Amino acid sequence: MKSDFTKKVLEVVIKIPHGYLMTYQQVAKLADSPKAYRAVGSILNRNYRKREWQLPIENIEPIPCHRVIRSDGYIGGYAKGGMNKARILMAEGHVVENGRIKMPKLVD
């Protein structure tokens, strides 16, 4: 069963528009737990795994967890690997150099 915090995190991330990014810290703050940014990463890391504890909320669109990055500009982890995350971000118009986003368009 998903916790209220997990549901809040997923609801925040679902709303990140194409071409924009949020940091793990921003997501944690909007999910009412500003210091839980590491927990946000753990929640998002479980998003695409095909297991009983897979996270997507039922009957909603896919969760664009690739649009969540570290506060220092590095792309951060991704269940399907960092190279895949970088490739998806570049396909959405971001410039990734050495695992870091150049001039990210962050959601306010």
N, C-alpha and C. Protein backbone atom coordinates (compact mmCIF):
# COMPACT_ATOMS: atom_id res chain seq x y z
N MET A 1 0.83 -1.18 0.00
CA MET A 1 0.00 0.00 0.00
C MET A 1 0.88 1.25 0.00
N LYS A 2 0.52 2.22 -0.79
CA LYS A 2 1.31 3.44 -0.91
C LYS A 2 1.01 4.40 0.25
N SER A 3 2.05 5.06 0.75
CA SER A 3 1.85 6.04 1.81
C SER A 3 1.28 7.33 1.22
N ASP A 4 0.76 8.17 2.10
CA ASP A 4 0.26 9.48 1.66
C ASP A 4 1.39 10.29 1.03
N PHE A 5 2.60 10.20 1.61
CA PHE A 5 3.73 10.94 1.05
C PHE A 5 4.05 10.46 -0.36
N THR A 6 4.05 9.16 -0.56
CA THR A 6 4.31 8.61 -1.90
C THR A 6 3.28 9.13 -2.90
N LYS A 7 2.03 9.11 -2.52
CA LYS A 7 0.98 9.61 -3.41
C LYS A 7 1.18 11.08 -3.73
N LYS A 8 1.55 11.87 -2.73
CA LYS A 8 1.79 13.30 -2.95
C LYS A 8 2.95 13.51 -3.91
N VAL A 9 4.03 12.75 -3.71
CA VAL A 9 5.20 12.86 -4.60
C VAL A 9 4.80 12.56 -6.03
N LEU A 10 4.09 11.48 -6.25
CA LEU A 10 3.69 11.09 -7.60
C LEU A 10 2.75 12.12 -8.22
N GLU A 11 1.86 12.67 -7.42
CA GLU A 11 0.94 13.70 -7.93
C GLU A 11 1.70 14.97 -8.33
N VAL A 12 2.76 15.32 -7.60
CA VAL A 12 3.58 16.49 -7.95
C VAL A 12 4.32 16.23 -9.26
N VAL A 13 4.95 15.08 -9.35
CA VAL A 13 5.78 14.77 -10.52
C VAL A 13 4.95 14.64 -11.79
N ILE A 14 3.75 14.12 -11.69
CA ILE A 14 2.87 13.98 -12.85
C ILE A 14 2.62 15.34 -13.51
N LYS A 15 2.64 16.40 -12.72
CA LYS A 15 2.31 17.74 -13.22
C LYS A 15 3.50 18.49 -13.84
N ILE A 16 4.69 17.89 -13.85
CA ILE A 16 5.84 18.57 -14.44
C ILE A 16 5.67 18.56 -15.96
N PRO A 17 5.57 19.74 -16.57
CA PRO A 17 5.32 19.78 -18.02
C PRO A 17 6.54 19.34 -18.84
N HIS A 18 6.26 18.87 -20.03
CA HIS A 18 7.31 18.51 -21.00
C HIS A 18 8.25 19.70 -21.18
N GLY A 19 9.55 19.45 -21.14
CA GLY A 19 10.53 20.51 -21.33
C GLY A 19 10.96 21.20 -20.05
N TYR A 20 10.34 20.86 -18.93
CA TYR A 20 10.68 21.47 -17.65
C TYR A 20 11.18 20.42 -16.68
N LEU A 21 11.84 20.88 -15.63
CA LEU A 21 12.39 20.00 -14.62
C LEU A 21 12.05 20.51 -13.23
N MET A 22 12.16 19.64 -12.26
CA MET A 22 12.08 20.01 -10.85
C MET A 22 13.22 19.28 -10.16
N THR A 23 13.63 19.81 -9.03
CA THR A 23 14.64 19.12 -8.23
C THR A 23 13.92 18.20 -7.24
N TYR A 24 14.68 17.22 -6.73
CA TYR A 24 14.12 16.33 -5.71
C TYR A 24 13.66 17.16 -4.51
N GLN A 25 14.40 18.21 -4.21
CA GLN A 25 14.07 19.07 -3.08
C GLN A 25 12.75 19.83 -3.33
N GLN A 26 12.55 20.33 -4.54
CA GLN A 26 11.30 21.02 -4.87
C GLN A 26 10.11 20.06 -4.73
N VAL A 27 10.28 18.85 -5.22
CA VAL A 27 9.20 17.86 -5.13
C VAL A 27 8.88 17.57 -3.67
N ALA A 28 9.91 17.37 -2.86
CA ALA A 28 9.70 17.09 -1.44
C ALA A 28 8.94 18.23 -0.76
N LYS A 29 9.32 19.46 -1.08
CA LYS A 29 8.65 20.62 -0.49
C LYS A 29 7.18 20.66 -0.89
N LEU A 30 6.88 20.45 -2.17
CA LEU A 30 5.50 20.47 -2.63
C LEU A 30 4.68 19.29 -2.10
N ALA A 31 5.37 18.23 -1.69
CA ALA A 31 4.70 17.07 -1.10
C ALA A 31 4.62 17.20 0.42
N ASP A 32 4.88 18.42 0.92
CA ASP A 32 4.75 18.76 2.34
C ASP A 32 5.79 18.12 3.26
N SER A 33 6.94 17.74 2.71
CA SER A 33 8.05 17.20 3.52
C SER A 33 9.36 17.72 2.94
N PRO A 34 9.68 19.00 3.18
CA PRO A 34 10.82 19.63 2.52
C PRO A 34 12.18 18.96 2.73
N LYS A 35 12.36 18.23 3.80
CA LYS A 35 13.65 17.58 4.05
C LYS A 35 13.71 16.15 3.52
N ALA A 36 12.65 15.69 2.91
CA ALA A 36 12.56 14.29 2.46
C ALA A 36 12.96 14.10 1.01
N TYR A 37 13.93 14.89 0.52
CA TYR A 37 14.31 14.80 -0.89
C TYR A 37 14.94 13.46 -1.23
N ARG A 38 15.64 12.82 -0.30
CA ARG A 38 16.21 11.50 -0.58
C ARG A 38 15.09 10.46 -0.72
N ALA A 39 14.06 10.62 0.09
CA ALA A 39 12.91 9.72 -0.02
C ALA A 39 12.22 9.88 -1.37
N VAL A 40 12.19 11.11 -1.88
CA VAL A 40 11.61 11.35 -3.22
C VAL A 40 12.38 10.53 -4.25
N GLY A 41 13.71 10.55 -4.17
CA GLY A 41 14.52 9.77 -5.10
C GLY A 41 14.23 8.28 -5.00
N SER A 42 14.08 7.79 -3.79
CA SER A 42 13.78 6.36 -3.60
C SER A 42 12.42 6.00 -4.19
N ILE A 43 11.45 6.86 -3.98
CA ILE A 43 10.11 6.61 -4.52
C ILE A 43 10.16 6.58 -6.05
N LEU A 44 10.81 7.56 -6.64
CA LEU A 44 10.85 7.63 -8.10
C LEU A 44 11.68 6.50 -8.70
N ASN A 45 12.68 6.03 -7.99
CA ASN A 45 13.51 4.94 -8.49
C ASN A 45 12.71 3.65 -8.66
N ARG A 46 11.63 3.50 -7.92
CA ARG A 46 10.80 2.29 -8.02
C ARG A 46 9.72 2.40 -9.09
N ASN A 47 9.62 3.50 -9.76
CA ASN A 47 8.51 3.77 -10.66
C ASN A 47 8.35 2.74 -11.78
N TYR A 48 9.40 2.39 -12.49
CA TYR A 48 9.25 1.56 -13.70
C TYR A 48 9.57 0.09 -13.51
N ARG A 49 9.85 -0.33 -12.34
CA ARG A 49 10.19 -1.74 -12.15
C ARG A 49 8.93 -2.59 -12.15
N LYS A 50 9.01 -3.71 -12.77
CA LYS A 50 7.85 -4.61 -12.88
C LYS A 50 7.84 -5.55 -11.68
N ARG A 51 7.35 -5.08 -10.56
CA ARG A 51 7.29 -5.86 -9.33
C ARG A 51 5.95 -5.59 -8.65
N GLU A 52 5.67 -6.35 -7.62
CA GLU A 52 4.44 -6.14 -6.86
C GLU A 52 4.39 -4.74 -6.27
N TRP A 53 5.54 -4.20 -5.90
CA TRP A 53 5.57 -2.90 -5.24
C TRP A 53 5.76 -1.75 -6.22
N GLN A 54 5.49 -2.01 -7.49
CA GLN A 54 5.58 -0.96 -8.50
C GLN A 54 4.65 0.19 -8.12
N LEU A 55 5.06 1.41 -8.39
CA LEU A 55 4.40 2.56 -7.82
C LEU A 55 3.33 3.30 -8.61
N PRO A 56 3.26 3.24 -9.92
CA PRO A 56 2.30 4.13 -10.58
C PRO A 56 0.91 4.07 -9.97
N ILE A 57 0.32 5.23 -9.84
CA ILE A 57 -1.04 5.33 -9.32
C ILE A 57 -1.97 4.78 -10.39
N GLU A 58 -2.94 4.04 -9.98
CA GLU A 58 -3.86 3.41 -10.92
C GLU A 58 -4.64 4.46 -11.73
N ASN A 59 -4.88 4.14 -13.00
CA ASN A 59 -5.74 4.93 -13.88
C ASN A 59 -5.27 6.37 -14.12
N ILE A 60 -3.99 6.60 -14.17
CA ILE A 60 -3.48 7.93 -14.51
C ILE A 60 -2.36 7.79 -15.53
N GLU A 61 -1.95 8.92 -16.05
CA GLU A 61 -0.90 8.93 -17.06
C GLU A 61 0.45 8.50 -16.45
N PRO A 62 1.41 8.17 -17.30
CA PRO A 62 2.74 7.77 -16.81
C PRO A 62 3.38 8.88 -15.98
N ILE A 63 4.23 8.49 -15.07
CA ILE A 63 4.90 9.43 -14.17
C ILE A 63 6.25 9.79 -14.79
N PRO A 64 6.45 11.07 -15.14
CA PRO A 64 7.70 11.47 -15.80
C PRO A 64 8.84 11.69 -14.80
N CYS A 65 9.24 10.63 -14.12
CA CYS A 65 10.25 10.77 -13.07
C CYS A 65 11.61 11.21 -13.63
N HIS A 66 11.81 11.07 -14.93
CA HIS A 66 13.06 11.53 -15.53
C HIS A 66 13.19 13.06 -15.46
N ARG A 67 12.11 13.76 -15.19
CA ARG A 67 12.13 15.23 -15.14
C ARG A 67 12.50 15.75 -13.76
N VAL A 68 12.94 14.89 -12.87
CA VAL A 68 13.37 15.31 -11.53
C VAL A 68 14.88 15.12 -11.45
N ILE A 69 15.58 16.21 -11.10
CA ILE A 69 17.05 16.20 -11.07
C ILE A 69 17.54 16.66 -9.70
N ARG A 70 18.84 16.52 -9.50
CA ARG A 70 19.45 16.99 -8.26
C ARG A 70 19.56 18.51 -8.25
N SER A 71 19.63 19.08 -7.07
CA SER A 71 19.73 20.55 -6.92
C SER A 71 21.02 21.10 -7.49
N ASP A 72 22.06 20.28 -7.58
CA ASP A 72 23.34 20.75 -8.11
C ASP A 72 23.43 20.65 -9.64
N GLY A 73 22.32 20.27 -10.28
CA GLY A 73 22.28 20.20 -11.74
C GLY A 73 22.56 18.84 -12.33
N TYR A 74 23.12 17.92 -11.52
CA TYR A 74 23.34 16.56 -12.02
C TYR A 74 22.00 15.87 -12.20
N ILE A 75 21.94 14.98 -13.18
CA ILE A 75 20.64 14.37 -13.50
C ILE A 75 20.13 13.44 -12.42
N GLY A 76 20.99 12.87 -11.62
CA GLY A 76 20.54 11.98 -10.55
C GLY A 76 20.28 10.58 -11.07
N GLY A 77 19.73 9.76 -10.19
CA GLY A 77 19.49 8.36 -10.52
C GLY A 77 18.27 8.15 -11.40
N TYR A 78 18.18 6.93 -11.91
CA TYR A 78 17.07 6.55 -12.77
C TYR A 78 17.03 5.03 -12.80
N ALA A 79 15.87 4.44 -12.58
CA ALA A 79 15.75 2.98 -12.53
C ALA A 79 16.23 2.30 -13.81
N LYS A 80 16.11 2.97 -14.94
CA LYS A 80 16.55 2.40 -16.22
C LYS A 80 17.96 2.83 -16.60
N GLY A 81 18.68 3.47 -15.67
CA GLY A 81 20.06 3.87 -15.90
C GLY A 81 20.21 5.32 -16.30
N GLY A 82 21.31 5.90 -15.87
CA GLY A 82 21.59 7.31 -16.12
C GLY A 82 21.68 7.67 -17.59
N MET A 83 22.21 6.77 -18.41
CA MET A 83 22.32 7.06 -19.84
C MET A 83 20.94 7.19 -20.47
N ASN A 84 20.01 6.35 -20.06
CA ASN A 84 18.64 6.45 -20.58
C ASN A 84 17.98 7.74 -20.12
N LYS A 85 18.22 8.12 -18.86
CA LYS A 85 17.64 9.37 -18.36
C LYS A 85 18.20 10.55 -19.16
N ALA A 86 19.49 10.57 -19.38
CA ALA A 86 20.12 11.65 -20.15
C ALA A 86 19.56 11.70 -21.57
N ARG A 87 19.38 10.56 -22.19
CA ARG A 87 18.85 10.49 -23.56
C ARG A 87 17.42 11.05 -23.62
N ILE A 88 16.59 10.70 -22.64
CA ILE A 88 15.21 11.19 -22.61
C ILE A 88 15.20 12.70 -22.39
N LEU A 89 16.04 13.18 -21.47
CA LEU A 89 16.10 14.62 -21.21
C LEU A 89 16.56 15.39 -22.44
N MET A 90 17.54 14.85 -23.15
CA MET A 90 18.00 15.51 -24.37
C MET A 90 16.91 15.51 -25.44
N ALA A 91 16.14 14.43 -25.52
CA ALA A 91 15.03 14.36 -26.48
C ALA A 91 13.96 15.40 -26.15
N GLU A 92 13.89 15.79 -24.88
CA GLU A 92 12.92 16.82 -24.47
C GLU A 92 13.51 18.23 -24.55
N GLY A 93 14.72 18.35 -25.09
CA GLY A 93 15.29 19.66 -25.34
C GLY A 93 16.33 20.16 -24.35
N HIS A 94 16.71 19.34 -23.39
CA HIS A 94 17.71 19.76 -22.41
C HIS A 94 19.11 19.42 -22.91
N VAL A 95 20.07 20.19 -22.50
CA VAL A 95 21.47 19.93 -22.83
C VAL A 95 22.10 19.24 -21.63
N VAL A 96 22.62 18.04 -21.85
CA VAL A 96 23.26 17.27 -20.79
C VAL A 96 24.73 17.11 -21.14
N GLU A 97 25.60 17.57 -20.25
CA GLU A 97 27.04 17.42 -20.44
C GLU A 97 27.64 16.83 -19.18
N ASN A 98 28.32 15.71 -19.33
CA ASN A 98 28.97 15.03 -18.21
C ASN A 98 27.98 14.75 -17.07
N GLY A 99 26.78 14.33 -17.42
CA GLY A 99 25.78 13.97 -16.43
C GLY A 99 25.10 15.14 -15.74
N ARG A 100 25.29 16.32 -16.29
CA ARG A 100 24.73 17.52 -15.67
C ARG A 100 23.92 18.31 -16.69
N ILE A 101 22.82 18.88 -16.23
CA ILE A 101 21.96 19.70 -17.09
C ILE A 101 22.57 21.10 -17.20
N LYS A 102 22.68 21.60 -18.40
CA LYS A 102 23.13 22.98 -18.60
C LYS A 102 21.91 23.87 -18.71
N MET A 103 21.83 24.88 -17.88
CA MET A 103 20.74 25.86 -17.87
C MET A 103 19.37 25.18 -17.84
N PRO A 104 19.07 24.45 -16.77
CA PRO A 104 17.78 23.77 -16.72
C PRO A 104 16.60 24.73 -16.64
N LYS A 105 15.50 24.35 -17.25
CA LYS A 105 14.25 25.10 -17.15
C LYS A 105 13.47 24.48 -15.98
N LEU A 106 13.58 25.10 -14.82
CA LEU A 106 12.94 24.56 -13.64
C LEU A 106 11.54 25.11 -13.48
N VAL A 107 10.64 24.27 -13.04
CA VAL A 107 9.29 24.71 -12.70
C VAL A 107 9.40 25.54 -11.44
N ASP A 108 8.69 26.66 -11.38
CA ASP A 108 8.73 27.50 -10.18
C ASP A 108 7.89 26.92 -9.07
